[in-house]
């Protein structure tokens, strides 16, 4: 039997793009709440639905300019970020944050936050404390390793390359404490 497009099936595809929930998309497309889970799951098995969702995903990615290359570039910045690219010593020998235009290209995107605390001292003097926090390097390294399939939750026995098992890695870290 040939697949037939209906307004409800088209609506399912567009709704699926909202949150990637087959059940939620089926409900929002007008299917019964009672059967939404089964219908959503069934619709995702149809090649025509899969192709439509792939087409909508590609349009969305193109519109937002998200590419694998851009994501990997950001991960590269985070993995190899160094706080010394963000700070320098002034003429008095005090540590200060560099101006963004004086930082190497992209380094300012590795900064999660900058906070300044002003502490009043005697007279009109104040002490300024500046804190710089970079985005999580361990998370960026983990995401990069997962992308490269160096770090997995399961071992693929058909792949001869060495892989780290997530559970073993966690256990080895606990033992080193």
N, C-alpha and C. Protein backbone atom coordinates (compact mmCIF):
# COMPACT_ATOMS: atom_id res chain seq x y z
N UNK A 1 0.84 -1.17 0.00
CA UNK A 1 0.00 0.00 0.00
C UNK A 1 0.89 1.25 0.00
N UNK A 2 0.60 2.16 -0.90
CA UNK A 2 1.39 3.39 -1.03
C UNK A 2 1.12 4.32 0.14
N UNK A 3 2.15 5.02 0.53
CA UNK A 3 2.03 5.99 1.62
C UNK A 3 1.22 7.17 1.11
N UNK A 4 0.29 7.64 1.94
CA UNK A 4 -0.55 8.76 1.56
C UNK A 4 -0.32 9.92 2.53
N UNK A 5 0.01 11.07 1.96
CA UNK A 5 0.19 12.26 2.78
C UNK A 5 -1.18 12.83 3.14
N UNK A 6 -1.35 13.11 4.41
CA UNK A 6 -2.57 13.76 4.89
C UNK A 6 -2.16 15.03 5.61
N UNK A 7 -3.07 15.98 5.79
CA UNK A 7 -2.72 17.19 6.55
C UNK A 7 -2.19 16.84 7.95
N UNK A 8 -2.75 15.79 8.55
CA UNK A 8 -2.32 15.38 9.89
C UNK A 8 -0.88 14.87 9.89
N UNK A 9 -0.51 14.12 8.86
CA UNK A 9 0.86 13.60 8.77
C UNK A 9 1.87 14.72 8.50
N UNK A 10 1.47 15.68 7.67
CA UNK A 10 2.33 16.84 7.42
C UNK A 10 2.52 17.63 8.72
N UNK A 11 1.42 17.81 9.44
CA UNK A 11 1.47 18.53 10.73
C UNK A 11 2.36 17.76 11.71
N UNK A 12 2.29 16.44 11.70
CA UNK A 12 3.13 15.63 12.58
C UNK A 12 4.61 15.96 12.32
N UNK A 13 5.00 16.02 11.05
CA UNK A 13 6.41 16.29 10.71
C UNK A 13 6.84 17.65 11.22
N UNK A 14 6.02 18.68 10.99
CA UNK A 14 6.40 20.02 11.45
C UNK A 14 6.41 20.10 12.97
N UNK A 15 5.49 19.42 13.63
CA UNK A 15 5.46 19.41 15.09
C UNK A 15 6.61 18.61 15.67
N UNK A 16 7.05 17.58 14.97
CA UNK A 16 8.18 16.78 15.44
C UNK A 16 9.44 17.64 15.52
N UNK A 17 9.55 18.62 14.65
CA UNK A 17 10.72 19.51 14.63
C UNK A 17 10.78 20.40 15.87
N UNK A 18 9.67 20.58 16.56
CA UNK A 18 9.63 21.45 17.74
C UNK A 18 10.48 20.88 18.87
N UNK A 19 10.27 19.59 19.20
CA UNK A 19 10.96 19.01 20.35
C UNK A 19 11.44 17.57 20.13
N UNK A 20 11.31 17.08 18.93
CA UNK A 20 11.72 15.71 18.58
C UNK A 20 11.04 14.67 19.45
N UNK A 21 9.82 14.96 19.86
CA UNK A 21 9.02 14.00 20.62
C UNK A 21 7.91 13.49 19.70
N UNK A 22 7.99 12.21 19.37
CA UNK A 22 6.98 11.62 18.48
C UNK A 22 5.60 11.67 19.13
N UNK A 23 5.54 11.39 20.43
CA UNK A 23 4.26 11.42 21.14
C UNK A 23 3.68 12.84 21.14
N UNK A 24 4.51 13.81 21.51
CA UNK A 24 4.05 15.20 21.54
C UNK A 24 3.64 15.68 20.17
N UNK A 25 4.39 15.33 19.14
CA UNK A 25 4.07 15.74 17.77
C UNK A 25 2.75 15.13 17.33
N UNK A 26 2.54 13.87 17.67
CA UNK A 26 1.28 13.21 17.29
C UNK A 26 0.10 13.88 17.98
N UNK A 27 0.24 14.19 19.26
CA UNK A 27 -0.84 14.88 19.98
C UNK A 27 -1.12 16.23 19.36
N UNK A 28 -0.06 17.01 19.08
CA UNK A 28 -0.25 18.35 18.53
C UNK A 28 -0.78 18.31 17.10
N UNK A 29 -0.55 17.18 16.41
CA UNK A 29 -1.05 17.02 15.04
C UNK A 29 -2.51 16.60 15.03
N UNK A 30 -3.04 16.31 16.22
CA UNK A 30 -4.47 15.99 16.30
C UNK A 30 -4.81 14.54 16.53
N UNK A 31 -3.80 13.71 16.73
CA UNK A 31 -4.08 12.31 17.04
C UNK A 31 -4.53 12.20 18.49
N UNK A 32 -5.24 11.15 18.80
CA UNK A 32 -5.76 10.92 20.15
C UNK A 32 -4.62 10.80 21.16
N UNK A 33 -4.82 11.37 22.36
CA UNK A 33 -3.82 11.25 23.43
C UNK A 33 -3.58 9.79 23.78
N UNK A 34 -4.64 8.99 23.70
CA UNK A 34 -4.53 7.58 24.05
C UNK A 34 -3.58 6.83 23.12
N UNK A 35 -3.60 7.20 21.85
CA UNK A 35 -2.82 6.44 20.87
C UNK A 35 -1.61 7.22 20.33
N UNK A 36 -1.38 8.43 20.84
CA UNK A 36 -0.32 9.29 20.31
C UNK A 36 1.05 8.61 20.35
N UNK A 37 1.33 7.90 21.43
CA UNK A 37 2.65 7.25 21.54
C UNK A 37 2.84 6.21 20.45
N UNK A 38 1.83 5.37 20.25
CA UNK A 38 1.94 4.31 19.23
C UNK A 38 1.94 4.91 17.82
N UNK A 39 1.06 5.88 17.58
CA UNK A 39 0.98 6.51 16.26
C UNK A 39 2.29 7.23 15.93
N UNK A 40 2.80 7.99 16.91
CA UNK A 40 4.05 8.71 16.69
C UNK A 40 5.18 7.76 16.35
N UNK A 41 5.28 6.68 17.10
CA UNK A 41 6.32 5.68 16.85
C UNK A 41 6.15 5.06 15.47
N UNK A 42 4.93 4.73 15.11
CA UNK A 42 4.64 4.13 13.80
C UNK A 42 4.97 5.10 12.67
N UNK A 43 4.58 6.36 12.82
CA UNK A 43 4.84 7.34 11.77
C UNK A 43 6.34 7.49 11.51
N UNK A 44 7.14 7.41 12.56
CA UNK A 44 8.59 7.55 12.39
C UNK A 44 9.22 6.37 11.63
N UNK A 45 8.50 5.28 11.49
CA UNK A 45 9.04 4.13 10.74
C UNK A 45 8.83 4.29 9.23
N UNK A 46 7.95 5.20 8.82
CA UNK A 46 7.69 5.41 7.39
C UNK A 46 8.83 6.19 6.75
N UNK A 47 9.34 5.66 5.66
CA UNK A 47 10.44 6.30 4.93
C UNK A 47 10.06 7.71 4.51
N UNK A 48 8.83 7.90 4.05
CA UNK A 48 8.39 9.22 3.60
C UNK A 48 8.43 10.24 4.74
N UNK A 49 8.03 9.82 5.93
CA UNK A 49 8.06 10.69 7.10
C UNK A 49 9.52 11.00 7.46
N UNK A 50 10.37 9.98 7.46
CA UNK A 50 11.79 10.16 7.77
C UNK A 50 12.43 11.15 6.80
N UNK A 51 12.11 11.01 5.52
CA UNK A 51 12.69 11.91 4.51
C UNK A 51 12.19 13.34 4.69
N UNK A 52 10.90 13.50 5.03
CA UNK A 52 10.34 14.84 5.26
C UNK A 52 11.01 15.48 6.48
N UNK A 53 11.19 14.72 7.55
CA UNK A 53 11.85 15.24 8.76
C UNK A 53 13.30 15.60 8.44
N UNK A 54 13.96 14.77 7.65
CA UNK A 54 15.35 15.07 7.25
C UNK A 54 15.39 16.36 6.44
N UNK A 55 14.45 16.53 5.52
CA UNK A 55 14.38 17.74 4.70
C UNK A 55 14.14 18.98 5.58
N UNK A 56 13.21 18.87 6.53
CA UNK A 56 12.92 19.99 7.43
C UNK A 56 14.13 20.31 8.32
N UNK A 57 14.84 19.27 8.76
CA UNK A 57 16.03 19.46 9.58
C UNK A 57 17.11 20.18 8.79
N UNK A 58 17.32 19.76 7.54
CA UNK A 58 18.34 20.40 6.70
C UNK A 58 17.99 21.86 6.45
N UNK A 59 16.71 22.16 6.22
CA UNK A 59 16.28 23.55 6.04
C UNK A 59 16.54 24.37 7.29
N UNK A 60 16.23 23.77 8.42
CA UNK A 60 16.44 24.47 9.71
C UNK A 60 17.92 24.74 9.94
N UNK A 61 18.76 23.74 9.68
CA UNK A 61 20.20 23.90 9.88
C UNK A 61 20.77 24.95 8.92
N UNK A 62 20.29 24.94 7.69
CA UNK A 62 20.75 25.92 6.72
C UNK A 62 20.33 27.34 7.13
N UNK A 63 19.12 27.46 7.62
CA UNK A 63 18.61 28.76 8.04
C UNK A 63 19.38 29.30 9.24
N UNK A 64 19.72 28.42 10.17
CA UNK A 64 20.44 28.85 11.38
C UNK A 64 21.95 28.88 11.18
N UNK A 65 22.42 28.36 10.04
CA UNK A 65 23.85 28.33 9.72
C UNK A 65 24.63 27.44 10.68
N UNK A 66 23.98 26.44 11.23
CA UNK A 66 24.67 25.48 12.09
C UNK A 66 25.24 24.38 11.20
N UNK A 67 26.54 24.17 11.33
CA UNK A 67 27.18 23.11 10.57
C UNK A 67 28.08 22.32 11.51
N UNK A 68 28.41 21.12 11.11
CA UNK A 68 29.31 20.29 11.90
C UNK A 68 30.64 21.02 12.05
N UNK A 69 31.09 21.66 10.98
CA UNK A 69 32.37 22.37 11.03
C UNK A 69 32.35 23.49 12.06
N UNK A 70 31.26 24.26 12.11
CA UNK A 70 31.18 25.37 13.07
C UNK A 70 31.15 24.84 14.50
N UNK A 71 30.42 23.77 14.72
CA UNK A 71 30.34 23.18 16.07
C UNK A 71 31.71 22.66 16.49
N UNK A 72 32.40 21.98 15.58
CA UNK A 72 33.73 21.46 15.90
C UNK A 72 34.72 22.59 16.14
N UNK A 73 34.58 23.69 15.40
CA UNK A 73 35.45 24.85 15.64
C UNK A 73 35.25 25.40 17.05
N UNK A 74 33.98 25.48 17.49
CA UNK A 74 33.70 25.96 18.84
C UNK A 74 34.26 25.01 19.89
N UNK A 75 34.08 23.71 19.67
CA UNK A 75 34.63 22.73 20.60
C UNK A 75 36.15 22.83 20.65
N UNK A 76 36.77 23.05 19.50
CA UNK A 76 38.23 23.21 19.44
C UNK A 76 38.66 24.40 20.28
N UNK A 77 37.96 25.52 20.16
CA UNK A 77 38.28 26.70 20.97
C UNK A 77 38.19 26.38 22.46
N UNK A 78 37.13 25.68 22.84
CA UNK A 78 36.93 25.36 24.27
C UNK A 78 37.94 24.35 24.77
N UNK A 79 38.22 23.33 23.96
CA UNK A 79 39.17 22.29 24.38
C UNK A 79 40.57 22.86 24.62
N UNK A 80 40.97 23.80 23.79
CA UNK A 80 42.33 24.31 23.86
C UNK A 80 42.39 25.73 24.42
N UNK A 81 41.31 26.13 25.08
CA UNK A 81 41.31 27.48 25.67
C UNK A 81 42.34 27.55 26.80
N UNK A 82 42.87 28.74 26.99
CA UNK A 82 43.88 28.96 28.00
C UNK A 82 43.62 30.33 28.62
N UNK A 83 43.49 30.37 29.91
CA UNK A 83 43.17 31.63 30.58
C UNK A 83 44.24 32.68 30.30
N UNK A 84 45.46 32.27 30.00
CA UNK A 84 46.52 33.24 29.72
C UNK A 84 46.25 34.02 28.42
N UNK A 85 45.37 33.50 27.57
CA UNK A 85 44.98 34.24 26.37
C UNK A 85 44.02 35.38 26.71
N UNK A 86 43.47 35.36 27.92
CA UNK A 86 42.46 36.33 28.33
C UNK A 86 42.98 37.39 29.29
N UNK A 87 44.12 37.15 29.90
CA UNK A 87 44.64 38.07 30.92
C UNK A 87 46.08 38.46 30.61
N UNK A 88 46.50 39.55 31.24
CA UNK A 88 47.88 40.00 31.10
C UNK A 88 48.23 40.85 32.32
N UNK A 89 49.51 41.09 32.50
CA UNK A 89 49.95 41.96 33.59
C UNK A 89 50.09 43.38 33.05
N UNK A 90 49.59 44.34 33.83
CA UNK A 90 49.74 45.73 33.42
C UNK A 90 51.10 46.27 33.86
N UNK A 91 51.34 47.55 33.64
CA UNK A 91 52.64 48.16 33.95
C UNK A 91 52.97 48.14 35.44
N UNK A 92 51.94 48.01 36.31
CA UNK A 92 52.16 47.94 37.76
C UNK A 92 52.39 46.50 38.23
N UNK A 93 52.31 45.56 37.28
CA UNK A 93 52.49 44.17 37.65
C UNK A 93 51.21 43.51 38.15
N UNK A 94 50.08 44.20 37.95
CA UNK A 94 48.79 43.65 38.39
C UNK A 94 48.12 42.93 37.23
N UNK A 95 47.50 41.84 37.56
CA UNK A 95 46.81 41.04 36.56
C UNK A 95 45.53 41.74 36.13
N UNK A 96 45.28 41.79 34.84
CA UNK A 96 44.05 42.39 34.34
C UNK A 96 43.57 41.61 33.13
N UNK A 97 42.28 41.75 32.84
CA UNK A 97 41.70 41.09 31.69
C UNK A 97 42.04 41.89 30.43
N UNK A 98 42.45 41.18 29.40
CA UNK A 98 42.76 41.84 28.13
C UNK A 98 41.48 42.39 27.50
N UNK A 99 41.62 43.42 26.70
CA UNK A 99 40.49 43.88 25.91
C UNK A 99 40.19 42.78 24.89
N UNK A 100 38.92 42.61 24.55
CA UNK A 100 38.55 41.53 23.63
C UNK A 100 39.31 41.61 22.31
N UNK A 101 39.51 42.83 21.81
CA UNK A 101 40.22 42.96 20.53
C UNK A 101 41.70 42.60 20.64
N UNK A 102 42.24 42.53 21.88
CA UNK A 102 43.63 42.14 22.08
C UNK A 102 43.79 40.63 22.30
N UNK A 103 42.67 39.94 22.42
CA UNK A 103 42.71 38.49 22.60
C UNK A 103 42.86 37.83 21.23
N UNK A 104 43.44 36.62 21.17
CA UNK A 104 43.50 35.90 19.90
C UNK A 104 42.07 35.68 19.36
N UNK A 105 41.92 35.53 18.06
CA UNK A 105 40.58 35.36 17.47
C UNK A 105 39.78 34.24 18.13
N UNK A 106 38.54 34.53 18.49
CA UNK A 106 37.63 33.54 19.05
C UNK A 106 37.76 33.31 20.54
N UNK A 107 38.84 33.75 21.15
CA UNK A 107 39.08 33.46 22.57
C UNK A 107 37.98 34.05 23.47
N UNK A 108 37.46 35.20 23.10
CA UNK A 108 36.41 35.80 23.95
C UNK A 108 35.18 34.89 24.05
N UNK A 109 34.96 34.02 23.05
CA UNK A 109 33.82 33.09 23.09
C UNK A 109 34.03 31.96 24.10
N UNK A 110 35.25 31.81 24.61
CA UNK A 110 35.51 30.77 25.60
C UNK A 110 35.20 31.25 27.02
N UNK A 111 34.87 32.54 27.15
CA UNK A 111 34.58 33.12 28.47
C UNK A 111 33.11 32.95 28.80
N UNK A 112 32.85 32.29 29.93
CA UNK A 112 31.47 32.13 30.39
C UNK A 112 31.00 33.39 31.11
N UNK A 113 31.86 33.93 31.98
CA UNK A 113 31.46 35.13 32.72
C UNK A 113 32.68 35.89 33.23
N UNK A 114 32.43 37.18 33.45
CA UNK A 114 33.42 38.05 34.08
C UNK A 114 32.67 38.81 35.17
N UNK A 115 33.18 38.72 36.39
CA UNK A 115 32.54 39.45 37.49
C UNK A 115 33.57 40.34 38.17
N UNK A 116 33.08 41.46 38.63
CA UNK A 116 33.95 42.40 39.33
C UNK A 116 33.34 42.71 40.68
N UNK A 117 34.16 42.64 41.72
CA UNK A 117 33.73 42.98 43.07
C UNK A 117 34.54 44.20 43.51
N UNK A 118 33.83 45.20 44.00
CA UNK A 118 34.51 46.40 44.49
C UNK A 118 34.41 46.42 46.00
N UNK A 119 35.57 46.45 46.65
CA UNK A 119 35.62 46.42 48.11
C UNK A 119 36.11 47.79 48.60
N UNK A 120 35.26 48.52 49.33
CA UNK A 120 35.68 49.84 49.84
C UNK A 120 36.81 49.69 50.86
N UNK A 121 37.77 50.57 50.78
CA UNK A 121 38.89 50.62 51.73
C UNK A 121 38.85 51.97 52.44
N UNK A 122 39.82 52.24 53.27
CA UNK A 122 39.86 53.51 54.00
C UNK A 122 39.94 54.68 53.02
N UNK A 123 39.22 55.73 53.34
CA UNK A 123 39.21 56.91 52.50
C UNK A 123 38.42 56.63 51.23
N UNK A 124 38.92 57.14 50.13
CA UNK A 124 38.23 56.95 48.85
C UNK A 124 38.78 55.75 48.08
N UNK A 125 39.70 55.04 48.68
CA UNK A 125 40.31 53.90 47.99
C UNK A 125 39.35 52.72 47.94
N UNK A 126 39.48 51.96 46.86
CA UNK A 126 38.70 50.72 46.71
C UNK A 126 39.63 49.63 46.17
N UNK A 127 39.27 48.43 46.49
CA UNK A 127 39.99 47.28 45.94
C UNK A 127 39.05 46.60 44.95
N UNK A 128 39.56 46.35 43.76
CA UNK A 128 38.75 45.69 42.73
C UNK A 128 39.24 44.25 42.56
N UNK A 129 38.29 43.33 42.62
CA UNK A 129 38.61 41.93 42.36
C UNK A 129 37.83 41.52 41.12
N UNK A 130 38.55 41.01 40.17
CA UNK A 130 37.93 40.58 38.92
C UNK A 130 38.09 39.07 38.81
N UNK A 131 37.00 38.42 38.46
CA UNK A 131 37.01 36.96 38.32
C UNK A 131 36.58 36.63 36.89
N UNK A 132 37.36 35.79 36.24
CA UNK A 132 37.02 35.34 34.89
C UNK A 132 36.79 33.84 34.94
N UNK A 133 35.72 33.40 34.31
CA UNK A 133 35.39 31.98 34.29
C UNK A 133 35.24 31.55 32.83
N UNK A 134 35.99 30.51 32.45
CA UNK A 134 35.89 29.98 31.10
C UNK A 134 34.83 28.88 31.07
N UNK A 135 34.29 28.64 29.88
CA UNK A 135 33.33 27.54 29.73
C UNK A 135 34.02 26.23 30.06
N UNK A 136 33.24 25.21 30.37
CA UNK A 136 33.75 23.92 30.83
C UNK A 136 34.63 23.21 29.79
N UNK A 137 35.90 23.12 30.10
CA UNK A 137 36.82 22.41 29.22
C UNK A 137 36.56 20.90 29.25
N UNK A 138 36.35 20.30 30.44
CA UNK A 138 36.09 18.85 30.46
C UNK A 138 34.87 18.46 29.61
N UNK A 139 33.82 19.27 29.62
CA UNK A 139 32.62 18.96 28.83
C UNK A 139 32.94 19.05 27.35
N UNK A 140 33.71 20.05 26.95
CA UNK A 140 34.09 20.19 25.54
C UNK A 140 34.95 19.02 25.09
N UNK A 141 35.88 18.60 25.93
CA UNK A 141 36.74 17.46 25.61
C UNK A 141 35.89 16.19 25.49
N UNK A 142 34.94 16.03 26.42
CA UNK A 142 34.06 14.85 26.39
C UNK A 142 33.24 14.82 25.10
N UNK A 143 32.64 15.95 24.73
CA UNK A 143 31.84 16.00 23.50
C UNK A 143 32.70 15.73 22.27
N UNK A 144 33.90 16.27 22.25
CA UNK A 144 34.81 16.03 21.13
C UNK A 144 35.20 14.56 21.05
N UNK A 145 35.51 13.96 22.19
CA UNK A 145 35.88 12.54 22.22
C UNK A 145 34.71 11.67 21.78
N UNK A 146 33.50 12.03 22.18
CA UNK A 146 32.33 11.26 21.75
C UNK A 146 32.12 11.39 20.25
N UNK A 147 32.31 12.60 19.73
CA UNK A 147 32.17 12.81 18.29
C UNK A 147 33.17 11.94 17.53
N UNK A 148 34.37 11.85 18.04
CA UNK A 148 35.42 11.05 17.41
C UNK A 148 35.31 9.56 17.75
N UNK A 149 34.29 9.22 18.53
CA UNK A 149 34.03 7.83 18.95
C UNK A 149 35.19 7.25 19.75
N UNK A 150 35.86 8.13 20.49
CA UNK A 150 36.93 7.70 21.39
C UNK A 150 36.37 7.38 22.77
N UNK A 151 35.20 7.90 23.06
CA UNK A 151 34.59 7.75 24.37
C UNK A 151 33.15 7.31 24.15
N UNK A 152 32.83 6.12 24.60
CA UNK A 152 31.48 5.60 24.39
C UNK A 152 30.94 5.00 25.67
N UNK A 153 29.62 4.90 25.71
CA UNK A 153 28.97 4.22 26.83
C UNK A 153 29.00 2.71 26.63
N UNK A 154 29.09 2.29 25.38
CA UNK A 154 29.13 0.87 25.04
C UNK A 154 30.32 0.61 24.13
N UNK A 155 30.82 -0.59 24.16
CA UNK A 155 31.94 -0.95 23.30
C UNK A 155 31.39 -1.59 22.03
N UNK A 156 31.85 -1.11 20.87
CA UNK A 156 31.48 -1.68 19.58
C UNK A 156 32.53 -2.74 19.26
N UNK A 157 32.15 -4.01 19.35
CA UNK A 157 33.14 -5.08 19.16
C UNK A 157 33.51 -5.27 17.69
N UNK A 158 32.80 -4.59 16.78
CA UNK A 158 33.15 -4.70 15.36
C UNK A 158 34.23 -3.70 14.97
N UNK A 159 34.55 -2.79 15.86
CA UNK A 159 35.55 -1.76 15.58
C UNK A 159 36.84 -2.15 16.29
N UNK A 160 37.93 -2.22 15.56
CA UNK A 160 39.20 -2.65 16.13
C UNK A 160 39.95 -1.53 16.83
N UNK A 161 39.50 -0.27 16.67
CA UNK A 161 40.19 0.84 17.33
C UNK A 161 39.95 0.77 18.83
N UNK A 162 40.93 1.23 19.59
CA UNK A 162 40.81 1.25 21.05
C UNK A 162 39.78 2.29 21.44
N UNK A 163 38.92 1.94 22.38
CA UNK A 163 37.91 2.87 22.87
C UNK A 163 37.91 2.84 24.38
N UNK A 164 37.54 3.97 24.95
CA UNK A 164 37.40 4.06 26.39
C UNK A 164 35.95 3.80 26.74
N UNK A 165 35.71 2.95 27.68
CA UNK A 165 34.37 2.70 28.16
C UNK A 165 34.07 3.71 29.26
N UNK A 166 32.95 4.42 29.15
CA UNK A 166 32.61 5.49 30.08
C UNK A 166 32.60 4.99 31.52
N UNK A 167 32.04 3.83 31.77
CA UNK A 167 31.97 3.31 33.15
C UNK A 167 33.37 3.04 33.70
N UNK A 168 34.24 2.45 32.85
CA UNK A 168 35.61 2.17 33.28
C UNK A 168 36.37 3.47 33.56
N UNK A 169 36.14 4.48 32.72
CA UNK A 169 36.80 5.77 32.90
C UNK A 169 36.39 6.41 34.22
N UNK A 170 35.12 6.38 34.52
CA UNK A 170 34.62 6.94 35.78
C UNK A 170 35.21 6.20 36.96
N UNK A 171 35.23 4.89 36.89
CA UNK A 171 35.78 4.08 37.98
C UNK A 171 37.27 4.36 38.18
N UNK A 172 37.99 4.52 37.06
CA UNK A 172 39.44 4.80 37.21
C UNK A 172 39.68 6.15 37.85
N UNK A 173 38.79 7.13 37.59
CA UNK A 173 38.93 8.44 38.20
C UNK A 173 38.64 8.39 39.70
N UNK A 174 37.68 7.57 40.09
CA UNK A 174 37.35 7.44 41.51
C UNK A 174 38.53 6.83 42.28
N UNK A 175 39.20 5.89 41.63
CA UNK A 175 40.30 5.21 42.31
C UNK A 175 41.49 6.11 42.52
N UNK A 176 41.62 7.18 41.69
CA UNK A 176 42.76 8.09 41.80
C UNK A 176 42.58 9.18 42.84
N UNK A 177 41.41 9.24 43.46
CA UNK A 177 41.15 10.30 44.45
C UNK A 177 41.72 9.98 45.80
